[in-house]
Amino acid sequence: MSMALLVMLSTMSFTVDKHFCGSQLVDKAVFSKAKTCGMQMNAETEDHCCTNEKISVEGQDELKISFDSIDFHQQLFITTFTFTYFELFETLPKQSIPFKDYSPPLIVSDIQLEDQVFLI
């Protein structure tokens, strides 16, 4: 499960979109477009105070691993390690309890108190 999560996170790419009004951050959004501060940016005027910034993080495209570069000693170590790792988790034999369905006898009276026998 953790290996599948690792592969998913390493191949995922995302974009962070930021909107600044002057030097103050107005909005930051991941996977969507950031909301503006309400000031219209005109293309003919170059002296507007609002700026947009996009940061893209690209994921890994290729996941092919070549096992040709592993020599015999490394292969021996990997197989020995996996075999001993799985042998650690042996299950215990199931134990049967013959009296688990029986209830204990009812206590009629306290025998130690009747016989006046106390542990000191």
PDB file of N, CA and C in Angstrom:
ATOM      1  N   MET A   1       0.825  -1.178   0.000  1.00  0.00           N
ATOM      2  CA  MET A   1       0.000   0.000   0.000  1.00  0.00           C
ATOM      3  C   MET A   1       0.881   1.257   0.000  1.00  0.00           C
ATOM      4  N   SER A   2       1.929   1.232   0.815  1.00  0.00           N
ATOM      5  CA  SER A   2       2.806   2.398   0.872  1.00  0.00           C
ATOM      6  C   SER A   2       3.599   2.557  -0.425  1.00  0.00           C
ATOM      7  N   MET A   3       3.928   1.451  -1.071  1.00  0.00           N
ATOM      8  CA  MET A   3       4.651   1.534  -2.340  1.00  0.00           C
ATOM      9  C   MET A   3       3.768   2.152  -3.425  1.00  0.00           C
ATOM     10  N   ALA A   4       2.482   1.783  -3.448  1.00  0.00           N
ATOM     11  CA  ALA A   4       1.562   2.370  -4.422  1.00  0.00           C
ATOM     12  C   ALA A   4       1.391   3.860  -4.171  1.00  0.00           C
ATOM     13  N   LEU A   5       1.339   4.267  -2.905  1.00  0.00           N
ATOM     14  CA  LEU A   5       1.228   5.675  -2.563  1.00  0.00           C
ATOM     15  C   LEU A   5       2.485   6.432  -2.977  1.00  0.00           C
ATOM     16  N   LEU A   6       3.641   5.833  -2.792  1.00  0.00           N
ATOM     17  CA  LEU A   6       4.901   6.451  -3.196  1.00  0.00           C
ATOM     18  C   LEU A   6       4.967   6.639  -4.706  1.00  0.00           C
ATOM     19  N   VAL A   7       4.546   5.647  -5.465  1.00  0.00           N
ATOM     20  CA  VAL A   7       4.544   5.756  -6.930  1.00  0.00           C
ATOM     21  C   VAL A   7       3.565   6.830  -7.377  1.00  0.00           C
ATOM     22  N   MET A   8       2.392   6.885  -6.737  1.00  0.00           N
ATOM     23  CA  MET A   8       1.405   7.895  -7.116  1.00  0.00           C
ATOM     24  C   MET A   8       1.928   9.308  -6.844  1.00  0.00           C
ATOM     25  N   LEU A   9       2.556   9.521  -5.688  1.00  0.00           N
ATOM     26  CA  LEU A   9       3.049  10.855  -5.364  1.00  0.00           C
ATOM     27  C   LEU A   9       4.247  11.255  -6.215  1.00  0.00           C
ATOM     28  N   SER A  10       5.076  10.297  -6.624  1.00  0.00           N
ATOM     29  CA  SER A  10       6.244  10.648  -7.434  1.00  0.00           C
ATOM     30  C   SER A  10       5.885  10.955  -8.879  1.00  0.00           C
ATOM     31  N   THR A  11       4.757  10.461  -9.363  1.00  0.00           N
ATOM     32  CA  THR A  11       4.364  10.725 -10.752  1.00  0.00           C
ATOM     33  C   THR A  11       3.361  11.866 -10.872  1.00  0.00           C
ATOM     34  N   MET A  12       2.895  12.401  -9.768  1.00  0.00           N
ATOM     35  CA  MET A  12       1.878  13.459  -9.803  1.00  0.00           C
ATOM     36  C   MET A  12       2.536  14.813 -10.018  1.00  0.00           C
ATOM     37  N   SER A  13       1.954  15.611 -10.896  1.00  0.00           N
ATOM     38  CA  SER A  13       2.434  16.970 -11.103  1.00  0.00           C
ATOM     39  C   SER A  13       1.310  17.938 -10.745  1.00  0.00           C
ATOM     40  N   PHE A  14       1.693  19.121 -10.269  1.00  0.00           N
ATOM     41  CA  PHE A  14       0.687  20.102  -9.875  1.00  0.00           C
ATOM     42  C   PHE A  14       1.222  21.507 -10.102  1.00  0.00           C
ATOM     43  N   THR A  15       0.307  22.499 -10.041  1.00  0.00           N
ATOM     44  CA  THR A  15       0.641  23.892 -10.270  1.00  0.00           C
ATOM     45  C   THR A  15       0.131  24.724  -9.104  1.00  0.00           C
ATOM     46  N   VAL A  16       0.967  25.627  -8.622  1.00  0.00           N
ATOM     47  CA  VAL A  16       0.586  26.581  -7.582  1.00  0.00           C
ATOM     48  C   VAL A  16       0.461  27.936  -8.246  1.00  0.00           C
ATOM     49  N   ASP A  17      -0.710  28.552  -8.125  1.00  0.00           N
ATOM     50  CA  ASP A  17      -0.982  29.846  -8.741  1.00  0.00           C
ATOM     51  C   ASP A  17      -1.098  30.896  -7.642  1.00  0.00           C
ATOM     52  N   LYS A  18      -0.340  32.003  -7.747  1.00  0.00           N
ATOM     53  CA  LYS A  18      -0.349  33.073  -6.745  1.00  0.00           C
ATOM     54  C   LYS A  18      -0.730  34.381  -7.410  1.00  0.00           C
ATOM     55  N   HIS A  19      -1.513  35.202  -6.698  1.00  0.00           N
ATOM     56  CA  HIS A  19      -1.879  36.531  -7.183  1.00  0.00           C
ATOM     57  C   HIS A  19      -1.403  37.556  -6.169  1.00  0.00           C
ATOM     58  N   PHE A  20      -0.545  38.475  -6.644  1.00  0.00           N
ATOM     59  CA  PHE A  20      -0.013  39.541  -5.800  1.00  0.00           C
ATOM     60  C   PHE A  20      -0.630  40.860  -6.217  1.00  0.00           C
ATOM     61  N   CYS A  21      -0.976  41.679  -5.241  1.00  0.00           N
ATOM     62  CA  CYS A  21      -1.402  43.053  -5.492  1.00  0.00           C
ATOM     63  C   CYS A  21      -0.346  43.935  -4.829  1.00  0.00           C
ATOM     64  N   GLY A  22       0.547  44.471  -5.631  1.00  0.00           N
ATOM     65  CA  GLY A  22       1.711  45.159  -5.105  1.00  0.00           C
ATOM     66  C   GLY A  22       2.704  44.110  -4.619  1.00  0.00           C
ATOM     67  N   SER A  23       3.071  44.201  -3.363  1.00  0.00           N
ATOM     68  CA  SER A  23       3.956  43.182  -2.795  1.00  0.00           C
ATOM     69  C   SER A  23       3.212  42.271  -1.817  1.00  0.00           C
ATOM     70  N   GLN A  24       1.889  42.421  -1.724  1.00  0.00           N
ATOM     71  CA  GLN A  24       1.079  41.639  -0.791  1.00  0.00           C
ATOM     72  C   GLN A  24       0.415  40.477  -1.526  1.00  0.00           C
ATOM     73  N   LEU A  25       0.514  39.285  -0.936  1.00  0.00           N
ATOM     74  CA  LEU A  25      -0.102  38.090  -1.498  1.00  0.00           C
ATOM     75  C   LEU A  25      -1.602  38.131  -1.228  1.00  0.00           C
ATOM     76  N   VAL A  26      -2.414  38.087  -2.296  1.00  0.00           N
ATOM     77  CA  VAL A  26      -3.863  38.147  -2.147  1.00  0.00           C
ATOM     78  C   VAL A  26      -4.458  36.753  -2.086  1.00  0.00           C
ATOM     79  N   ASP A  27      -4.035  35.856  -2.978  1.00  0.00           N
ATOM     80  CA  ASP A  27      -4.595  34.509  -3.002  1.00  0.00           C
ATOM     81  C   ASP A  27      -3.562  33.532  -3.533  1.00  0.00           C
ATOM     82  N   LYS A  28      -3.643  32.313  -3.005  1.00  0.00           N
ATOM     83  CA  LYS A  28      -2.783  31.222  -3.464  1.00  0.00           C
ATOM     84  C   LYS A  28      -3.680  30.016  -3.683  1.00  0.00           C
ATOM     85  N   ALA A  29      -3.531  29.327  -4.808  1.00  0.00           N
ATOM     86  CA  ALA A  29      -4.387  28.185  -5.116  1.00  0.00           C
ATOM     87  C   ALA A  29      -3.548  27.069  -5.731  1.00  0.00           C
ATOM     88  N   VAL A  30      -3.898  25.841  -5.363  1.00  0.00           N
ATOM     89  CA  VAL A  30      -3.268  24.648  -5.925  1.00  0.00           C
ATOM     90  C   VAL A  30      -4.339  23.951  -6.758  1.00  0.00           C
ATOM     91  N   PHE A  31      -4.000  23.510  -7.955  1.00  0.00           N
ATOM     92  CA  PHE A  31      -4.886  22.820  -8.902  1.00  0.00           C
ATOM     93  C   PHE A  31      -5.977  23.726  -9.481  1.00  0.00           C
ATOM     94  N   SER A  32      -6.002  25.004  -9.182  1.00  0.00           N
ATOM     95  CA  SER A  32      -7.001  25.908  -9.756  1.00  0.00           C
ATOM     96  C   SER A  32      -6.372  27.286  -9.918  1.00  0.00           C
ATOM     97  N   LYS A  33      -7.153  28.234 -10.475  1.00  0.00           N
ATOM     98  CA  LYS A  33      -6.658  29.585 -10.695  1.00  0.00           C
ATOM     99  C   LYS A  33      -6.915  30.427  -9.453  1.00  0.00           C
ATOM    100  N   ALA A  34      -5.949  31.267  -9.093  1.00  0.00           N
ATOM    101  CA  ALA A  34      -6.078  32.117  -7.909  1.00  0.00           C
ATOM    102  C   ALA A  34      -7.065  33.241  -8.181  1.00  0.00           C
ATOM    103  N   LYS A  35      -7.812  33.634  -7.141  1.00  0.00           N
ATOM    104  CA  LYS A  35      -8.768  34.738  -7.263  1.00  0.00           C
ATOM    105  C   LYS A  35      -8.013  36.059  -7.285  1.00  0.00           C
ATOM    106  N   THR A  36      -8.541  37.003  -8.062  1.00  0.00           N
ATOM    107  CA  THR A  36      -7.890  38.305  -8.176  1.00  0.00           C
ATOM    108  C   THR A  36      -8.396  39.231  -7.081  1.00  0.00           C
ATOM    109  N   CYS A  37      -7.733  40.374  -6.941  1.00  0.00           N
ATOM    110  CA  CYS A  37      -8.111  41.332  -5.916  1.00  0.00           C
ATOM    111  C   CYS A  37      -9.238  42.245  -6.374  1.00  0.00           C
ATOM    112  N   GLY A  38      -9.660  42.145  -7.613  1.00  0.00           N
ATOM    113  CA  GLY A  38     -10.767  42.944  -8.126  1.00  0.00           C
ATOM    114  C   GLY A  38     -10.322  44.069  -9.031  1.00  0.00           C
ATOM    115  N   MET A  39      -9.042  44.359  -9.076  1.00  0.00           N
ATOM    116  CA  MET A  39      -8.542  45.414  -9.958  1.00  0.00           C
ATOM    117  C   MET A  39      -8.336  44.825 -11.350  1.00  0.00           C
ATOM    118  N   GLN A  40      -8.822  45.485 -12.365  1.00  0.00           N
ATOM    119  CA  GLN A  40      -8.691  44.997 -13.728  1.00  0.00           C
ATOM    120  C   GLN A  40      -7.301  45.332 -14.262  1.00  0.00           C
ATOM    121  N   MET A  41      -6.677  44.343 -14.878  1.00  0.00           N
ATOM    122  CA  MET A  41      -5.369  44.559 -15.482  1.00  0.00           C
ATOM    123  C   MET A  41      -5.581  44.784 -16.973  1.00  0.00           C
ATOM    124  N   ASN A  42      -5.265  45.969 -17.451  1.00  0.00           N
ATOM    125  CA  ASN A  42      -5.427  46.298 -18.860  1.00  0.00           C
ATOM    126  C   ASN A  42      -4.140  45.998 -19.610  1.00  0.00           C
ATOM    127  N   ALA A  43      -4.307  45.527 -20.830  1.00  0.00           N
ATOM    128  CA  ALA A  43      -3.139  45.173 -21.636  1.00  0.00           C
ATOM    129  C   ALA A  43      -2.427  46.410 -22.159  1.00  0.00           C
ATOM    130  N   GLU A  44      -3.177  47.535 -22.371  1.00  0.00           N
ATOM    131  CA  GLU A  44      -2.528  48.717 -22.947  1.00  0.00           C
ATOM    132  C   GLU A  44      -1.717  49.498 -21.906  1.00  0.00           C
ATOM    133  N   THR A  45      -2.039  49.351 -20.631  1.00  0.00           N
ATOM    134  CA  THR A  45      -1.254  50.045 -19.601  1.00  0.00           C
ATOM    135  C   THR A  45      -0.285  49.052 -18.970  1.00  0.00           C
ATOM    136  N   GLU A  46       0.961  49.413 -18.981  1.00  0.00           N
ATOM    137  CA  GLU A  46       1.991  48.523 -18.467  1.00  0.00           C
ATOM    138  C   GLU A  46       2.319  48.799 -16.998  1.00  0.00           C
ATOM    139  N   ASP A  47       1.732  49.826 -16.386  1.00  0.00           N
ATOM    140  CA  ASP A  47       2.091  50.194 -15.025  1.00  0.00           C
ATOM    141  C   ASP A  47       1.049  49.744 -14.002  1.00  0.00           C
ATOM    142  N   HIS A  48       0.532  48.512 -14.146  1.00  0.00           N
ATOM    143  CA  HIS A  48      -0.426  48.011 -13.166  1.00  0.00           C
ATOM    144  C   HIS A  48       0.326  47.390 -11.994  1.00  0.00           C
ATOM    145  N   CYS A  49      -0.350  47.334 -10.864  1.00  0.00           N
ATOM    146  CA  CYS A  49       0.330  46.880  -9.650  1.00  0.00           C
ATOM    147  C   CYS A  49       0.123  45.392  -9.387  1.00  0.00           C
ATOM    148  N   CYS A  50      -0.780  44.727 -10.069  1.00  0.00           N
ATOM    149  CA  CYS A  50      -1.077  43.315  -9.808  1.00  0.00           C
ATOM    150  C   CYS A  50      -0.208  42.404 -10.673  1.00  0.00           C
ATOM    151  N   THR A  51       0.242  41.303 -10.072  1.00  0.00           N
ATOM    152  CA  THR A  51       1.030  40.317 -10.815  1.00  0.00           C
ATOM    153  C   THR A  51       0.531  38.918 -10.468  1.00  0.00           C
ATOM    154  N   ASN A  52       0.645  38.036 -11.436  1.00  0.00           N
ATOM    155  CA  ASN A  52       0.329  36.625 -11.237  1.00  0.00           C
ATOM    156  C   ASN A  52       1.622  35.825 -11.335  1.00  0.00           C
ATOM    157  N   GLU A  53       1.721  34.794 -10.516  1.00  0.00           N
ATOM    158  CA  GLU A  53       2.905  33.952 -10.524  1.00  0.00           C
ATOM    159  C   GLU A  53       2.457  32.494 -10.513  1.00  0.00           C
ATOM    160  N   LYS A  54       3.023  31.694 -11.409  1.00  0.00           N
ATOM    161  CA  LYS A  54       2.713  30.268 -11.480  1.00  0.00           C
ATOM    162  C   LYS A  54       3.966  29.466 -11.208  1.00  0.00           C
ATOM    163  N   ILE A  55       3.826  28.474 -10.344  1.00  0.00           N
ATOM    164  CA  ILE A  55       4.922  27.554 -10.052  1.00  0.00           C
ATOM    165  C   ILE A  55       4.428  26.157 -10.418  1.00  0.00           C
ATOM    166  N   SER A  56       5.087  25.520 -11.371  1.00  0.00           N
ATOM    167  CA  SER A  56       4.700  24.178 -11.805  1.00  0.00           C
ATOM    168  C   SER A  56       5.715  23.165 -11.305  1.00  0.00           C
ATOM    169  N   VAL A  57       5.206  22.083 -10.711  1.00  0.00           N
ATOM    170  CA  VAL A  57       6.046  20.986 -10.243  1.00  0.00           C
ATOM    171  C   VAL A  57       5.697  19.777 -11.100  1.00  0.00           C
ATOM    172  N   GLU A  58       6.661  19.342 -11.895  1.00  0.00           N
ATOM    173  CA  GLU A  58       6.435  18.223 -12.798  1.00  0.00           C
ATOM    174  C   GLU A  58       6.790  16.913 -12.103  1.00  0.00           C
ATOM    175  N   GLY A  59       5.968  15.910 -12.330  1.00  0.00           N
ATOM    176  CA  GLY A  59       6.216  14.586 -11.759  1.00  0.00           C
ATOM    177  C   GLY A  59       7.125  13.771 -12.651  1.00  0.00           C
ATOM    178  N   GLN A  60       7.499  12.631 -12.189  1.00  0.00           N
ATOM    179  CA  GLN A  60       8.379  11.731 -12.937  1.00  0.00           C
ATOM    180  C   GLN A  60       7.565  11.035 -14.024  1.00  0.00           C
ATOM    181  N   ASP A  61       8.117  10.956 -15.230  1.00  0.00           N
ATOM    182  CA  ASP A  61       7.397  10.344 -16.347  1.00  0.00           C
ATOM    183  C   ASP A  61       7.740   8.875 -16.522  1.00  0.00           C
ATOM    184  N   GLU A  62       8.968   8.494 -16.249  1.00  0.00           N
ATOM    185  CA  GLU A  62       9.410   7.146 -16.554  1.00  0.00           C
ATOM    186  C   GLU A  62       9.684   6.379 -15.257  1.00  0.00           C
ATOM    187  N   LEU A  63       9.104   5.208 -15.120  1.00  0.00           N
ATOM    188  CA  LEU A  63       9.264   4.416 -13.906  1.00  0.00           C
ATOM    189  C   LEU A  63       9.954   3.081 -14.147  1.00  0.00           C
ATOM    190  N   LYS A  64      10.592   2.930 -15.288  1.00  0.00           N
ATOM    191  CA  LYS A  64      11.222   1.658 -15.618  1.00  0.00           C
ATOM    192  C   LYS A  64      12.517   1.488 -14.835  1.00  0.00           C
ATOM    193  N   ILE A  65      12.647   0.347 -14.177  1.00  0.00           N
ATOM    194  CA  ILE A  65      13.849   0.023 -13.418  1.00  0.00           C
ATOM    195  C   ILE A  65      14.531  -1.150 -14.108  1.00  0.00           C
ATOM    196  N   SER A  66      15.804  -1.022 -14.364  1.00  0.00           N
ATOM    197  CA  SER A  66      16.558  -2.074 -15.035  1.00  0.00           C
ATOM    198  C   SER A  66      17.223  -2.970 -13.997  1.00  0.00           C
ATOM    199  N   PHE A  67      16.961  -4.268 -14.070  1.00  0.00           N
ATOM    200  CA  PHE A  67      17.575  -5.226 -13.171  1.00  0.00           C
ATOM    201  C   PHE A  67      18.824  -5.863 -13.779  1.00  0.00           C
ATOM    202  N   ASP A  68      19.244  -5.354 -14.941  1.00  0.00           N
ATOM    203  CA  ASP A  68      20.450  -5.898 -15.573  1.00  0.00           C
ATOM    204  C   ASP A  68      21.710  -5.486 -14.833  1.00  0.00           C
ATOM    205  N   SER A  69      21.668  -4.389 -14.125  1.00  0.00           N
ATOM    206  CA  SER A  69      22.870  -3.887 -13.459  1.00  0.00           C
ATOM    207  C   SER A  69      23.102  -4.533 -12.095  1.00  0.00           C
ATOM    208  N   ILE A  70      22.196  -5.387 -11.639  1.00  0.00           N
ATOM    209  CA  ILE A  70      22.356  -6.046 -10.340  1.00  0.00           C
ATOM    210  C   ILE A  70      23.199  -7.304 -10.522  1.00  0.00           C
ATOM    211  N   ASP A  71      24.298  -7.381  -9.769  1.00  0.00           N
ATOM    212  CA  ASP A  71      25.156  -8.557  -9.891  1.00  0.00           C
ATOM    213  C   ASP A  71      24.627  -9.705  -9.014  1.00  0.00           C
ATOM    214  N   PHE A  72      25.321 -10.824  -9.025  1.00  0.00           N
ATOM    215  CA  PHE A  72      24.865 -12.032  -8.347  1.00  0.00           C
ATOM    216  C   PHE A  72      24.777 -11.853  -6.835  1.00  0.00           C
ATOM    217  N   HIS A  73      25.747 -11.171  -6.240  1.00  0.00           N
ATOM    218  CA  HIS A  73      25.755 -10.989  -4.780  1.00  0.00           C
ATOM    219  C   HIS A  73      24.577 -10.127  -4.320  1.00  0.00           C
ATOM    220  N   GLN A  74      24.230  -9.113  -5.103  1.00  0.00           N
ATOM    221  CA  GLN A  74      23.081  -8.285  -4.762  1.00  0.00           C
ATOM    222  C   GLN A  74      21.766  -9.065  -4.904  1.00  0.00           C
ATOM    223  N   GLN A  75      21.675  -9.891  -5.945  1.00  0.00           N
ATOM    224  CA  GLN A  75      20.480 -10.728  -6.111  1.00  0.00           C
ATOM    225  C   GLN A  75      20.357 -11.719  -4.961  1.00  0.00           C
ATOM    226  N   LEU A  76      21.475 -12.299  -4.540  1.00  0.00           N
ATOM    227  CA  LEU A  76      21.470 -13.235  -3.427  1.00  0.00           C
ATOM    228  C   LEU A  76      21.027 -12.544  -2.135  1.00  0.00           C
ATOM    229  N   PHE A  77      21.513 -11.327  -1.908  1.00  0.00           N
ATOM    230  CA  PHE A  77      21.119 -10.573  -0.726  1.00  0.00           C
ATOM    231  C   PHE A  77      19.622 -10.256  -0.744  1.00  0.00           C
ATOM    232  N   ILE A  78      19.094  -9.848  -1.887  1.00  0.00           N
ATOM    233  CA  ILE A  78      17.664  -9.493  -1.986  1.00  0.00           C
ATOM    234  C   ILE A  78      16.789 -10.713  -1.731  1.00  0.00           C
ATOM    235  N   THR A  79      17.123 -11.845  -2.330  1.00  0.00           N
ATOM    236  CA  THR A  79      16.301 -13.036  -2.123  1.00  0.00           C
ATOM    237  C   THR A  79      16.402 -13.542  -0.695  1.00  0.00           C
ATOM    238  N   THR A  80      17.581 -13.495  -0.096  1.00  0.00           N
ATOM    239  CA  THR A  80      17.741 -13.932   1.292  1.00  0.00           C
ATOM    240  C   THR A  80      16.988 -13.010   2.241  1.00  0.00           C
ATOM    241  N   PHE A  81      17.069 -11.717   2.003  1.00  0.00           N
ATOM    242  CA  PHE A  81      16.384 -10.756   2.855  1.00  0.00           C
ATOM    243  C   PHE A  81      14.867 -10.942   2.790  1.00  0.00           C
ATOM    244  N   THR A  82      14.308 -11.095   1.583  1.00  0.00           N
ATOM    245  CA  THR A  82      12.855 -11.261   1.477  1.00  0.00           C
ATOM    246  C   THR A  82      12.401 -12.582   2.093  1.00  0.00           C
ATOM    247  N   PHE A  83      13.171 -13.637   1.911  1.00  0.00           N
ATOM    248  CA  PHE A  83      12.798 -14.921   2.500  1.00  0.00           C
ATOM    249  C   PHE A  83      12.796 -14.851   4.022  1.00  0.00           C
ATOM    250  N   THR A  84      13.845 -14.295   4.604  1.00  0.00           N
ATOM    251  CA  THR A  84      13.908 -14.215   6.069  1.00  0.00           C
ATOM    252  C   THR A  84      12.894 -13.228   6.617  1.00  0.00           C
ATOM    253  N   TYR A  85      12.594 -12.178   5.878  1.00  0.00           N
ATOM    254  CA  TYR A  85      11.590 -11.208   6.333  1.00  0.00           C
ATOM    255  C   TYR A  85      10.212 -11.854   6.422  1.00  0.00           C
ATOM    256  N   PHE A  86       9.844 -12.643   5.425  1.00  0.00           N
ATOM    257  CA  PHE A  86       8.527 -13.285   5.450  1.00  0.00           C
ATOM    258  C   PHE A  86       8.477 -14.440   6.442  1.00  0.00           C
ATOM    259  N   GLU A  87       9.599 -15.024   6.772  1.00  0.00           N
ATOM    260  CA  GLU A  87       9.627 -16.088   7.765  1.00  0.00           C
ATOM    261  C   GLU A  87       9.486 -15.554   9.185  1.00  0.00           C
ATOM    262  N   LEU A  88       9.676 -14.257   9.390  1.00  0.00           N
ATOM    263  CA  LEU A  88       9.511 -13.664  10.715  1.00  0.00           C
ATOM    264  C   LEU A  88       8.065 -13.725  11.192  1.00  0.00           C
ATOM    265  N   PHE A  89       7.140 -13.697  10.262  1.00  0.00           N
ATOM    266  CA  PHE A  89       5.735 -13.578  10.599  1.00  0.00           C
ATOM    267  C   PHE A  89       5.001 -14.914  10.515  1.00  0.00           C
ATOM    268  N   GLU A  90       5.537 -15.925  11.159  1.00  0.00           N
ATOM    269  CA  GLU A  90       4.855 -17.211  11.196  1.00  0.00           C
ATOM    270  C   GLU A  90       3.695 -17.125  12.174  1.00  0.00           C
ATOM    271  N   THR A  91       2.612 -17.757  11.823  1.00  0.00           N
ATOM    272  CA  THR A  91       1.458 -17.751  12.709  1.00  0.00           C
ATOM    273  C   THR A  91       1.591 -18.855  13.740  1.00  0.00           C
ATOM    274  N   LEU A  92       1.059 -18.604  14.920  1.00  0.00           N
ATOM    275  CA  LEU A  92       1.077 -19.606  15.974  1.00  0.00           C
ATOM    276  C   LEU A  92      -0.049 -20.594  15.750  1.00  0.00           C
ATOM    277  N   PRO A  93       0.144 -21.843  16.179  1.00  0.00           N
ATOM    278  CA  PRO A  93      -0.952 -22.808  16.022  1.00  0.00           C
ATOM    279  C   PRO A  93      -2.146 -22.408  16.892  1.00  0.00           C
ATOM    280  N   LYS A  94      -3.322 -22.666  16.382  1.00  0.00           N
ATOM    281  CA  LYS A  94      -4.521 -22.290  17.109  1.00  0.00           C
ATOM    282  C   LYS A  94      -4.707 -23.221  18.302  1.00  0.00           C
ATOM    283  N   GLN A  95      -4.855 -22.611  19.475  1.00  0.00           N
ATOM    284  CA  GLN A  95      -5.018 -23.385  20.692  1.00  0.00           C
ATOM    285  C   GLN A  95      -6.503 -23.514  21.003  1.00  0.00           C
ATOM    286  N   SER A  96      -6.889 -24.730  21.380  1.00  0.00           N
ATOM    287  CA  SER A  96      -8.284 -24.934  21.747  1.00  0.00           C
ATOM    288  C   SER A  96      -8.416 -24.916  23.261  1.00  0.00           C
ATOM    289  N   ILE A  97      -9.399 -24.168  23.737  1.00  0.00           N
ATOM    290  CA  ILE A  97      -9.665 -24.080  25.174  1.00  0.00           C
ATOM    291  C   ILE A  97     -10.916 -24.909  25.434  1.00  0.00           C
ATOM    292  N   PRO A  98     -10.782 -26.048  26.152  1.00  0.00           N
ATOM    293  CA  PRO A  98     -11.935 -26.949  26.294  1.00  0.00           C
ATOM    294  C   PRO A  98     -13.027 -26.413  27.210  1.00  0.00           C
ATOM    295  N   PHE A  99     -12.727 -25.491  28.104  1.00  0.00           N
ATOM    296  CA  PHE A  99     -13.717 -25.039  29.077  1.00  0.00           C
ATOM    297  C   PHE A  99     -14.245 -23.633  28.797  1.00  0.00           C
ATOM    298  N   LYS A 100     -14.054 -23.093  27.588  1.00  0.00           N
ATOM    299  CA  LYS A 100     -14.460 -21.719  27.329  1.00  0.00           C
ATOM    300  C   LYS A 100     -15.983 -21.559  27.255  1.00  0.00           C
ATOM    301  N   ASP A 101     -16.737 -22.635  26.978  1.00  0.00           N
ATOM    302  CA  ASP A 101     -18.192 -22.536  26.895  1.00  0.00           C
ATOM    303  C   ASP A 101     -18.884 -22.790  28.233  1.00  0.00           C
ATOM    304  N   TYR A 102     -18.131 -23.145  29.267  1.00  0.00           N
ATOM    305  CA  TYR A 102     -18.723 -23.448  30.566  1.00  0.00           C
ATOM    306  C   TYR A 102     -18.590 -22.249  31.501  1.00  0.00           C
ATOM    307  N   SER A 103     -19.607 -21.993  32.279  1.00  0.00           N
ATOM    308  CA  SER A 103     -19.561 -20.909  33.248  1.00  0.00           C
ATOM    309  C   SER A 103     -18.989 -21.431  34.570  1.00  0.00           C
ATOM    310  N   PRO A 104     -18.368 -20.577  35.367  1.00  0.00           N
ATOM    311  CA  PRO A 104     -17.809 -21.032  36.642  1.00  0.00           C
ATOM    312  C   PRO A 104     -18.934 -21.356  37.634  1.00  0.00           C
ATOM    313  N   PRO A 105     -18.623 -22.170  38.651  1.00  0.00           N
ATOM    314  CA  PRO A 105     -19.665 -22.519  39.627  1.00  0.00           C
ATOM    315  C   PRO A 105     -20.062 -21.300  40.464  1.00  0.00           C
ATOM    316  N   LEU A 106     -21.280 -21.312  40.951  1.00  0.00           N
ATOM    317  CA  LEU A 106     -21.764 -20.211  41.771  1.00  0.00           C
ATOM    318  C   LEU A 106     -21.136 -20.285  43.158  1.00  0.00           C
ATOM    319  N   ILE A 107     -20.764 -19.161  43.700  1.00  0.00           N
ATOM    320  CA  ILE A 107     -20.180 -19.106  45.033  1.00  0.00           C
ATOM    321  C   ILE A 107     -21.329 -18.948  46.031  1.00  0.00           C
ATOM    322  N   VAL A 108     -21.470 -19.931  46.894  1.00  0.00           N
ATOM    323  CA  VAL A 108     -22.548 -19.920  47.867  1.00  0.00           C
ATOM    324  C   VAL A 108     -22.151 -19.095  49.083  1.00  0.00           C
ATOM    325  N   SER A 109     -20.959 -19.341  49.572  1.00  0.00           N
ATOM    326  CA  SER A 109     -20.478 -18.588  50.728  1.00  0.00           C
ATOM    327  C   SER A 109     -18.971 -18.473  50.646  1.00  0.00           C
ATOM    328  N   ASP A 110     -18.400 -17.565  51.422  1.00  0.00           N
ATOM    329  CA  ASP A 110     -16.959 -17.367  51.454  1.00  0.00           C
ATOM    330  C   ASP A 110     -16.358 -18.408  52.388  1.00  0.00           C
ATOM    331  N   ILE A 111     -15.660 -19.392  51.825  1.00  0.00           N
ATOM    332  CA  ILE A 111     -15.150 -20.532  52.592  1.00  0.00           C
ATOM    333  C   ILE A 111     -14.049 -20.085  53.547  1.00  0.00           C
ATOM    334  N   GLN A 112     -13.182 -19.143  53.135  1.00  0.00           N
ATOM    335  CA  GLN A 112     -12.112 -18.695  54.026  1.00  0.00           C
ATOM    336  C   GLN A 112     -12.674 -18.011  55.268  1.00  0.00           C
ATOM    337  N   LEU A 113     -13.743 -17.286  55.110  1.00  0.00           N
ATOM    338  CA  LEU A 113     -14.344 -16.618  56.256  1.00  0.00           C
ATOM    339  C   LEU A 113     -15.055 -17.612  57.169  1.00  0.00           C
ATOM    340  N   GLU A 114     -15.694 -18.608  56.611  1.00  0.00           N
ATOM    341  CA  GLU A 114     -16.374 -19.621  57.434  1.00  0.00           C
ATOM    342  C   GLU A 114     -15.398 -20.456  58.248  1.00  0.00           C
ATOM    343  N   ASP A 115     -14.287 -20.831  57.632  1.00  0.00           N
ATOM    344  CA  ASP A 115     -13.303 -21.663  58.311  1.00  0.00           C
ATOM    345  C   ASP A 115     -12.289 -20.827  59.113  1.00  0.00           C
ATOM    346  N   GLN A 116     -12.370 -19.522  59.018  1.00  0.00           N
ATOM    347  CA  GLN A 116     -11.455 -18.612  59.725  1.00  0.00           C
ATOM    348  C   GLN A 116      -9.996 -18.882  59.347  1.00  0.00           C
ATOM    349  N   VAL A 117      -9.770 -19.064  58.041  1.00  0.00           N
ATOM    350  CA  VAL A 117      -8.422 -19.314  57.526  1.00  0.00           C
ATOM    351  C   VAL A 117      -8.010 -18.083  56.732  1.00  0.00           C
ATOM    352  N   PHE A 118      -6.965 -17.402  57.191  1.00  0.00           N
ATOM    353  CA  PHE A 118      -6.504 -16.165  56.534  1.00  0.00           C
ATOM    354  C   PHE A 118      -5.013 -16.285  56.244  1.00  0.00           C
ATOM    355  N   LEU A 119      -4.613 -15.679  55.148  1.00  0.00           N
ATOM    356  CA  LEU A 119      -3.184 -15.648  54.818  1.00  0.00           C
ATOM    357  C   LEU A 119      -2.542 -14.446  55.500  1.00  0.00           C
ATOM    358  N   ILE A 120      -1.455 -14.695  56.183  1.00  0.00           N
ATOM    359  CA  ILE A 120      -0.782 -13.613  56.893  1.00  0.00           C
ATOM    360  C   ILE A 120       0.567 -13.371  56.265  1.00  0.00           C
TER     361      ILE A 120
END
